[in-house]
PDB file of N, CA and C in Angstrom:
ATOM      1  N   MET A   1      96.727 124.418  73.593  1.00  0.00           N
ATOM      2  CA  MET A   1      97.077 125.124  74.725  1.00  0.00           C
ATOM      3  C   MET A   1      96.622 126.094  75.278  1.00  0.00           C
ATOM      4  N   ASN A   2      95.954 126.272  76.179  1.00  0.00           N
ATOM      5  CA  ASN A   2      95.180 127.295  77.007  1.00  0.00           C
ATOM      6  C   ASN A   2      95.878 128.094  77.811  1.00  0.00           C
ATOM      7  N   ARG A   3      95.363 129.305  78.272  1.00  0.00           N
ATOM      8  CA  ARG A   3      96.002 129.922  79.356  1.00  0.00           C
ATOM      9  C   ARG A   3      96.520 129.452  80.323  1.00  0.00           C
ATOM     10  N   TYR A   4      95.866 128.779  80.958  1.00  0.00           N
ATOM     11  CA  TYR A   4      96.153 128.009  82.529  1.00  0.00           C
ATOM     12  C   TYR A   4      97.495 126.985  82.457  1.00  0.00           C
ATOM     13  N   GLU A   5      97.604 126.497  80.960  1.00  0.00           N
ATOM     14  CA  GLU A   5      98.802 125.310  80.556  1.00  0.00           C
ATOM     15  C   GLU A   5      99.803 126.342  80.633  1.00  0.00           C
ATOM     16  N   SER A   6      99.378 127.587  79.531  1.00  0.00           N
ATOM     17  CA  SER A   6     100.593 128.330  79.398  1.00  0.00           C
ATOM     18  C   SER A   6     101.366 129.060  80.880  1.00  0.00           C
ATOM     19  N   MET A   7     100.351 129.799  81.611  1.00  0.00           N
ATOM     20  CA  MET A   7     100.952 130.380  82.914  1.00  0.00           C
ATOM     21  C   MET A   7     101.831 129.184  83.825  1.00  0.00           C
ATOM     22  N   ILE A   8     101.031 128.065  83.424  1.00  0.00           N
ATOM     23  CA  ILE A   8     101.863 126.951  84.680  1.00  0.00           C
ATOM     24  C   ILE A   8     103.305 126.627  83.977  1.00  0.00           C
ATOM     25  N   ARG A   9     103.290 126.319  82.867  1.00  0.00           N
ATOM     26  CA  ARG A   9     104.558 126.263  82.013  1.00  0.00           C
ATOM     27  C   ARG A   9     105.675 127.561  82.577  1.00  0.00           C
ATOM     28  N   PHE A  10     104.822 128.606  82.504  1.00  0.00           N
ATOM     29  CA  PHE A  10     105.662 130.106  82.671  1.00  0.00           C
ATOM     30  C   PHE A  10     106.135 129.862  84.310  1.00  0.00           C
ATOM     31  N   GLU A  11     105.680 129.481  85.110  1.00  0.00           N
ATOM     32  CA  GLU A  11     105.856 129.484  86.406  1.00  0.00           C
ATOM     33  C   GLU A  11     106.790 128.439  86.874  1.00  0.00           C
ATOM     34  N   GLY A  12     107.008 127.767  85.841  1.00  0.00           N
ATOM     35  CA  GLY A  12     108.254 126.819  85.964  1.00  0.00           C
ATOM     36  C   GLY A  12     108.014 125.168  86.353  1.00  0.00           C
ATOM     37  N   PHE A  13     106.550 125.119  86.064  1.00  0.00           N
ATOM     38  CA  PHE A  13     106.169 123.602  86.054  1.00  0.00           C
ATOM     39  C   PHE A  13     106.306 123.063  84.831  1.00  0.00           C
ATOM     40  N   THR A  14     106.328 121.241  85.131  1.00  0.00           N
ATOM     41  CA  THR A  14     106.360 120.394  84.333  1.00  0.00           C
ATOM     42  C   THR A  14     105.527 119.700  83.914  1.00  0.00           C
ATOM     43  N   ILE A  15     104.691 120.043  82.645  1.00  0.00           N
ATOM     44  CA  ILE A  15     102.940 119.467  82.431  1.00  0.00           C
ATOM     45  C   ILE A  15     103.686 117.897  82.488  1.00  0.00           C
ATOM     46  N   LEU A  16     103.001 117.177  83.312  1.00  0.00           N
ATOM     47  CA  LEU A  16     103.109 115.940  82.912  1.00  0.00           C
ATOM     48  C   LEU A  16     102.122 115.286  81.864  1.00  0.00           C
ATOM     49  N   GLY A  17     100.705 115.885  81.716  1.00  0.00           N
ATOM     50  CA  GLY A  17      99.759 115.239  80.809  1.00  0.00           C
ATOM     51  C   GLY A  17      98.393 115.926  81.274  1.00  0.00           C
ATOM     52  N   HIS A  18      97.389 115.579  80.964  1.00  0.00           N
ATOM     53  CA  HIS A  18      96.182 115.507  81.241  1.00  0.00           C
ATOM     54  C   HIS A  18      95.285 114.496  81.942  1.00  0.00           C
ATOM     55  N   LYS A  19      94.644 114.565  82.703  1.00  0.00           N
ATOM     56  CA  LYS A  19      93.817 113.349  83.363  1.00  0.00           C
ATOM     57  C   LYS A  19      92.350 113.975  83.641  1.00  0.00           C
ATOM     58  N   GLU A  20      91.115 113.064  83.492  1.00  0.00           N
ATOM     59  CA  GLU A  20      89.935 113.340  83.326  1.00  0.00           C
ATOM     60  C   GLU A  20      89.586 112.857  84.689  1.00  0.00           C
ATOM     61  N   ILE A  21      88.732 114.302  85.612  1.00  0.00           N
ATOM     62  CA  ILE A  21      88.378 113.742  86.870  1.00  0.00           C
ATOM     63  C   ILE A  21      86.915 114.501  86.943  1.00  0.00           C
ATOM     64  N   ILE A  22      86.339 113.977  87.278  1.00  0.00           N
ATOM     65  CA  ILE A  22      84.991 113.984  87.388  1.00  0.00           C
ATOM     66  C   ILE A  22      84.381 114.513  86.184  1.00  0.00           C
ATOM     67  N   GLY A  23      84.485 114.003  84.975  1.00  0.00           N
ATOM     68  CA  GLY A  23      84.240 114.551  83.822  1.00  0.00           C
ATOM     69  C   GLY A  23      85.124 115.376  82.892  1.00  0.00           C
ATOM     70  N   LYS A  24      86.027 116.162  83.747  1.00  0.00           N
ATOM     71  CA  LYS A  24      86.465 117.363  83.323  1.00  0.00           C
ATOM     72  C   LYS A  24      87.880 117.094  83.016  1.00  0.00           C
ATOM     73  N   GLU A  25      88.242 117.384  81.810  1.00  0.00           N
ATOM     74  CA  GLU A  25      89.992 117.218  81.504  1.00  0.00           C
ATOM     75  C   GLU A  25      90.688 118.345  82.330  1.00  0.00           C
ATOM     76  N   MET A  26      92.196 117.790  83.057  1.00  0.00           N
ATOM     77  CA  MET A  26      92.435 118.492  83.611  1.00  0.00           C
ATOM     78  C   MET A  26      93.966 118.360  83.694  1.00  0.00           C
ATOM     79  N   ILE A  27      94.773 119.465  83.457  1.00  0.00           N
ATOM     80  CA  ILE A  27      96.317 119.593  83.615  1.00  0.00           C
ATOM     81  C   ILE A  27      96.868 119.173  84.466  1.00  0.00           C
ATOM     82  N   ARG A  28      97.851 118.388  84.247  1.00  0.00           N
ATOM     83  CA  ARG A  28      98.374 117.609  85.607  1.00  0.00           C
ATOM     84  C   ARG A  28     100.219 118.432  85.256  1.00  0.00           C
ATOM     85  N   ALA A  29     100.612 118.795  86.497  1.00  0.00           N
ATOM     86  CA  ALA A  29     101.910 119.825  86.341  1.00  0.00           C
ATOM     87  C   ALA A  29     102.428 119.441  88.151  1.00  0.00           C
ATOM     88  N   GLU A  30     103.946 119.549  87.719  1.00  0.00           N
ATOM     89  CA  GLU A  30     104.697 119.267  88.964  1.00  0.00           C
ATOM     90  C   GLU A  30     106.035 120.307  88.773  1.00  0.00           C
ATOM     91  N   LYS A  31     106.444 120.635  90.015  1.00  0.00           N
ATOM     92  CA  LYS A  31     108.140 121.515  90.147  1.00  0.00           C
ATOM     93  C   LYS A  31     108.748 121.077  91.071  1.00  0.00           C
ATOM     94  N   MET A  32     109.649 120.558  91.219  1.00  0.00           N
ATOM     95  CA  MET A  32     110.527 120.575  92.254  1.00  0.00           C
ATOM     96  C   MET A  32     111.286 121.548  93.014  1.00  0.00           C
ATOM     97  N   ILE A  33     111.384 121.589  94.015  1.00  0.00           N
ATOM     98  CA  ILE A  33     111.862 122.920  94.343  1.00  0.00           C
ATOM     99  C   ILE A  33     113.127 122.009  95.561  1.00  0.00           C
ATOM    100  N   GLY A  34     114.408 121.922  95.373  1.00  0.00           N
ATOM    101  CA  GLY A  34     115.329 121.141  95.948  1.00  0.00           C
ATOM    102  C   GLY A  34     114.824 119.872  96.016  1.00  0.00           C
ATOM    103  N   ASP A  35     114.594 119.036  97.002  1.00  0.00           N
ATOM    104  CA  ASP A  35     114.102 117.828  97.316  1.00  0.00           C
ATOM    105  C   ASP A  35     112.243 117.603  97.420  1.00  0.00           C
ATOM    106  N   ARG A  36     111.803 118.712  97.137  1.00  0.00           N
ATOM    107  CA  ARG A  36     110.395 118.629  97.679  1.00  0.00           C
ATOM    108  C   ARG A  36     109.719 119.086  96.344  1.00  0.00           C
ATOM    109  N   LYS A  37     108.339 118.658  96.305  1.00  0.00           N
ATOM    110  CA  LYS A  37     107.604 118.441  95.061  1.00  0.00           C
ATOM    111  C   LYS A  37     106.287 118.897  95.147  1.00  0.00           C
ATOM    112  N   ILE A  38     105.956 120.342  94.180  1.00  0.00           N
ATOM    113  CA  ILE A  38     104.408 121.126  94.499  1.00  0.00           C
ATOM    114  C   ILE A  38     104.180 120.290  93.142  1.00  0.00           C
ATOM    115  N   SER A  39     102.616 119.884  93.422  1.00  0.00           N
ATOM    116  CA  SER A  39     102.269 119.358  92.122  1.00  0.00           C
ATOM    117  C   SER A  39     100.674 120.151  92.319  1.00  0.00           C
ATOM    118  N   ILE A  40     100.172 120.247  90.779  1.00  0.00           N
ATOM    119  CA  ILE A  40      99.277 121.056  90.456  1.00  0.00           C
ATOM    120  C   ILE A  40      98.033 120.041  89.341  1.00  0.00           C
ATOM    121  N   ILE A  41      96.883 120.516  89.387  1.00  0.00           N
ATOM    122  CA  ILE A  41      95.866 119.750  88.629  1.00  0.00           C
ATOM    123  C   ILE A  41      95.146 121.112  88.320  1.00  0.00           C
ATOM    124  N   CYS A  42      94.737 120.954  87.310  1.00  0.00           N
ATOM    125  CA  CYS A  42      93.964 122.709  86.840  1.00  0.00           C
ATOM    126  C   CYS A  42      93.118 122.355  85.480  1.00  0.00           C
ATOM    127  N   ASP A  43      91.761 122.883  85.617  1.00  0.00           N
ATOM    128  CA  ASP A  43      90.567 122.759  84.184  1.00  0.00           C
ATOM    129  C   ASP A  43      90.815 124.115  83.895  1.00  0.00           C
ATOM    130  N   ASN A  44      90.254 124.216  82.578  1.00  0.00           N
ATOM    131  CA  ASN A  44      89.758 125.718  82.127  1.00  0.00           C
ATOM    132  C   ASN A  44      89.537 126.526  82.538  1.00  0.00           C
ATOM    133  N   ASN A  45      88.363 126.175  83.884  1.00  0.00           N
ATOM    134  CA  ASN A  45      87.841 127.094  84.668  1.00  0.00           C
ATOM    135  C   ASN A  45      88.214 127.420  85.425  1.00  0.00           C
ATOM    136  N   GLY A  46      89.824 127.320  85.937  1.00  0.00           N
ATOM    137  CA  GLY A  46      90.361 127.833  86.890  1.00  0.00           C
ATOM    138  C   GLY A  46      90.108 127.150  88.157  1.00  0.00           C
ATOM    139  N   THR A  47      89.533 125.802  88.308  1.00  0.00           N
ATOM    140  CA  THR A  47      89.379 125.041  89.401  1.00  0.00           C
ATOM    141  C   THR A  47      90.743 124.197  89.529  1.00  0.00           C
ATOM    142  N   ALA A  48      91.232 124.630  90.569  1.00  0.00           N
ATOM    143  CA  ALA A  48      92.418 123.714  90.892  1.00  0.00           C
ATOM    144  C   ALA A  48      92.917 123.108  91.877  1.00  0.00           C
ATOM    145  N   ARG A  49      93.684 122.251  92.008  1.00  0.00           N
ATOM    146  CA  ARG A  49      93.882 121.511  93.505  1.00  0.00           C
ATOM    147  C   ARG A  49      95.522 121.481  93.381  1.00  0.00           C
ATOM    148  N   ILE A  50      96.117 122.297  94.348  1.00  0.00           N
ATOM    149  CA  ILE A  50      97.665 122.370  94.761  1.00  0.00           C
ATOM    150  C   ILE A  50      97.581 121.301  95.796  1.00  0.00           C
ATOM    151  N   ASP A  51      99.063 120.717  95.627  1.00  0.00           N
ATOM    152  CA  ASP A  51      99.515 119.158  96.613  1.00  0.00           C
ATOM    153  C   ASP A  51     100.941 120.112  97.021  1.00  0.00           C
ATOM    154  N   LYS A  52     100.817 120.417  98.259  1.00  0.00           N
ATOM    155  CA  LYS A  52     102.269 120.462  98.885  1.00  0.00           C
ATOM    156  C   LYS A  52     103.301 119.908  98.978  1.00  0.00           C
ATOM    157  N   PRO A  53     104.278 120.253  99.462  1.00  0.00           N
ATOM    158  CA  PRO A  53     105.366 119.275 100.056  1.00  0.00           C
ATOM    159  C   PRO A  53     105.189 118.470 101.352  1.00  0.00           C
ATOM    160  N   ASN A  54     104.245 119.355 102.107  1.00  0.00           N
ATOM    161  CA  ASN A  54     104.482 119.057 103.524  1.00  0.00           C
ATOM    162  C   ASN A  54     103.081 117.644 103.704  1.00  0.00           C
ATOM    163  N   GLY A  55     102.616 117.831 102.383  1.00  0.00           N
ATOM    164  CA  GLY A  55     101.235 116.340 102.272  1.00  0.00           C
ATOM    165  C   GLY A  55     100.053 116.943 102.294  1.00  0.00           C
ATOM    166  N   THR A  56      99.890 118.428 102.651  1.00  0.00           N
ATOM    167  CA  THR A  56      98.495 119.251 102.408  1.00  0.00           C
ATOM    168  C   THR A  56      98.383 119.407 101.056  1.00  0.00           C
ATOM    169  N   SER A  57      97.157 119.700 100.596  1.00  0.00           N
ATOM    170  CA  SER A  57      96.493 120.126  99.577  1.00  0.00           C
ATOM    171  C   SER A  57      95.237 121.104  99.847  1.00  0.00           C
ATOM    172  N   LYS A  58      94.929 121.849  98.645  1.00  0.00           N
ATOM    173  CA  LYS A  58      93.933 122.951  98.772  1.00  0.00           C
ATOM    174  C   LYS A  58      93.069 123.187  97.520  1.00  0.00           C
ATOM    175  N   TRP A  59      92.112 122.842  97.188  1.00  0.00           N
ATOM    176  CA  TRP A  59      91.380 123.492  95.908  1.00  0.00           C
ATOM    177  C   TRP A  59      91.052 124.996  95.765  1.00  0.00           C
ATOM    178  N   TYR A  60      91.156 125.439  94.802  1.00  0.00           N
ATOM    179  CA  TYR A  60      90.591 126.647  94.591  1.00  0.00           C
ATOM    180  C   TYR A  60      89.749 126.700  93.589  1.00  0.00           C
ATOM    181  N   TYR A  61      88.728 127.619  93.139  1.00  0.00           N
ATOM    182  CA  TYR A  61      87.457 127.125  92.756  1.00  0.00           C
ATOM    183  C   TYR A  61      87.373 128.468  91.729  1.00  0.00           C
ATOM    184  N   GLU A  62      87.238 128.550  90.368  1.00  0.00           N
ATOM    185  CA  GLU A  62      86.954 129.475  89.580  1.00  0.00           C
ATOM    186  C   GLU A  62      87.835 130.890  89.447  1.00  0.00           C
ATOM    187  N   LYS A  63      89.303 130.655  89.564  1.00  0.00           N
ATOM    188  CA  LYS A  63      90.050 131.954  89.508  1.00  0.00           C
ATOM    189  C   LYS A  63      90.327 131.800  88.365  1.00  0.00           C
ATOM    190  N   SER A  64      91.337 132.924  87.957  1.00  0.00           N
ATOM    191  CA  SER A  64      91.635 133.429  86.775  1.00  0.00           C
ATOM    192  C   SER A  64      93.167 132.913  86.567  1.00  0.00           C
ATOM    193  N   TYR A  65      93.452 132.919  85.664  1.00  0.00           N
ATOM    194  CA  TYR A  65      94.918 132.214  85.171  1.00  0.00           C
ATOM    195  C   TYR A  65      95.774 132.679  86.045  1.00  0.00           C
ATOM    196  N   ALA A  66      95.604 134.511  86.196  1.00  0.00           N
ATOM    197  CA  ALA A  66      96.599 135.062  86.910  1.00  0.00           C
ATOM    198  C   ALA A  66      96.546 135.220  88.468  1.00  0.00           C
ATOM    199  N   GLN A  67      95.314 134.819  89.043  1.00  0.00           N
ATOM    200  CA  GLN A  67      95.335 134.060  90.095  1.00  0.00           C
ATOM    201  C   GLN A  67      95.705 132.903  90.453  1.00  0.00           C
ATOM    202  N   ILE A  68      95.804 132.015  89.876  1.00  0.00           N
ATOM    203  CA  ILE A  68      96.447 130.843  90.008  1.00  0.00           C
ATOM    204  C   ILE A  68      98.034 130.778  90.065  1.00  0.00           C
ATOM    205  N   GLY A  69      98.400 131.590  88.951  1.00  0.00           N
ATOM    206  CA  GLY A  69      99.819 132.137  89.003  1.00  0.00           C
ATOM    207  C   GLY A  69     100.202 132.603  90.322  1.00  0.00           C
ATOM    208  N   LYS A  70      99.932 133.617  90.643  1.00  0.00           N
ATOM    209  CA  LYS A  70     100.206 134.282  92.208  1.00  0.00           C
ATOM    210  C   LYS A  70      99.847 133.037  93.222  1.00  0.00           C
ATOM    211  N   ILE A  71      98.957 132.462  93.357  1.00  0.00           N
ATOM    212  CA  ILE A  71      99.119 131.342  94.421  1.00  0.00           C
ATOM    213  C   ILE A  71     100.349 130.436  94.194  1.00  0.00           C
ATOM    214  N   LEU A  72     100.635 129.954  92.919  1.00  0.00           N
ATOM    215  CA  LEU A  72     101.476 129.197  92.776  1.00  0.00           C
ATOM    216  C   LEU A  72     102.964 129.767  93.277  1.00  0.00           C
ATOM    217  N   ARG A  73     103.191 130.968  92.849  1.00  0.00           N
ATOM    218  CA  ARG A  73     104.463 131.865  93.179  1.00  0.00           C
ATOM    219  C   ARG A  73     104.622 131.963  94.826  1.00  0.00           C
ATOM    220  N   GLN A  74     103.278 131.794  95.490  1.00  0.00           N
ATOM    221  CA  GLN A  74     103.695 132.134  96.943  1.00  0.00           C
ATOM    222  C   GLN A  74     103.475 130.609  97.697  1.00  0.00           C
ATOM    223  N   VAL A  75     103.544 129.460  97.024  1.00  0.00           N
ATOM    224  CA  VAL A  75     103.628 128.072  97.612  1.00  0.00           C
ATOM    225  C   VAL A  75     104.859 127.920  97.114  1.00  0.00           C
ATOM    226  N   ALA A  76     105.446 128.241  95.877  1.00  0.00           N
ATOM    227  CA  ALA A  76     106.875 127.737  95.642  1.00  0.00           C
ATOM    228  C   ALA A  76     107.395 128.847  96.633  1.00  0.00           C
ATOM    229  N   SER A  77     107.559 130.413  97.063  1.00  0.00           N
ATOM    230  CA  SER A  77     108.411 130.872  97.767  1.00  0.00           C
ATOM    231  C   SER A  77     108.791 130.525  99.117  1.00  0.00           C
ATOM    232  N   PHE A  78     107.432 129.885  99.695  1.00  0.00           N
ATOM    233  CA  PHE A  78     107.953 129.437 100.956  1.00  0.00           C
ATOM    234  C   PHE A  78     108.557 128.134 101.108  1.00  0.00           C
ATOM    235  N   TYR A  79     108.663 127.362 100.053  1.00  0.00           N
ATOM    236  CA  TYR A  79     109.631 126.122 100.248  1.00  0.00           C
ATOM    237  C   TYR A  79     111.056 126.375  99.802  1.00  0.00           C
ATOM    238  N   ILE A  80     111.177 127.830  99.230  1.00  0.00           N
ATOM    239  CA  ILE A  80     112.551 128.124  98.496  1.00  0.00           C
ATOM    240  C   ILE A  80     113.434 127.942  99.787  1.00  0.00           C
TER     241      ILE A  80
END
């Protein structure tokens, strides 16, 4: 388990498994907040896509695990 996977678990996300996208192994996870779902896929280099409950998604490139954790907390706090 790497730092990104540990951080995603710490933020309350459920790891769904790993998926290969464009030749990179990415962690898949999601978190339910009420009846809304936040999803993330993230690789070991800090590239991540966060899918929000309103149907939008955003890519982040080469972020540290602390930065990704902060982004996940901000997204989750918006939907609480």
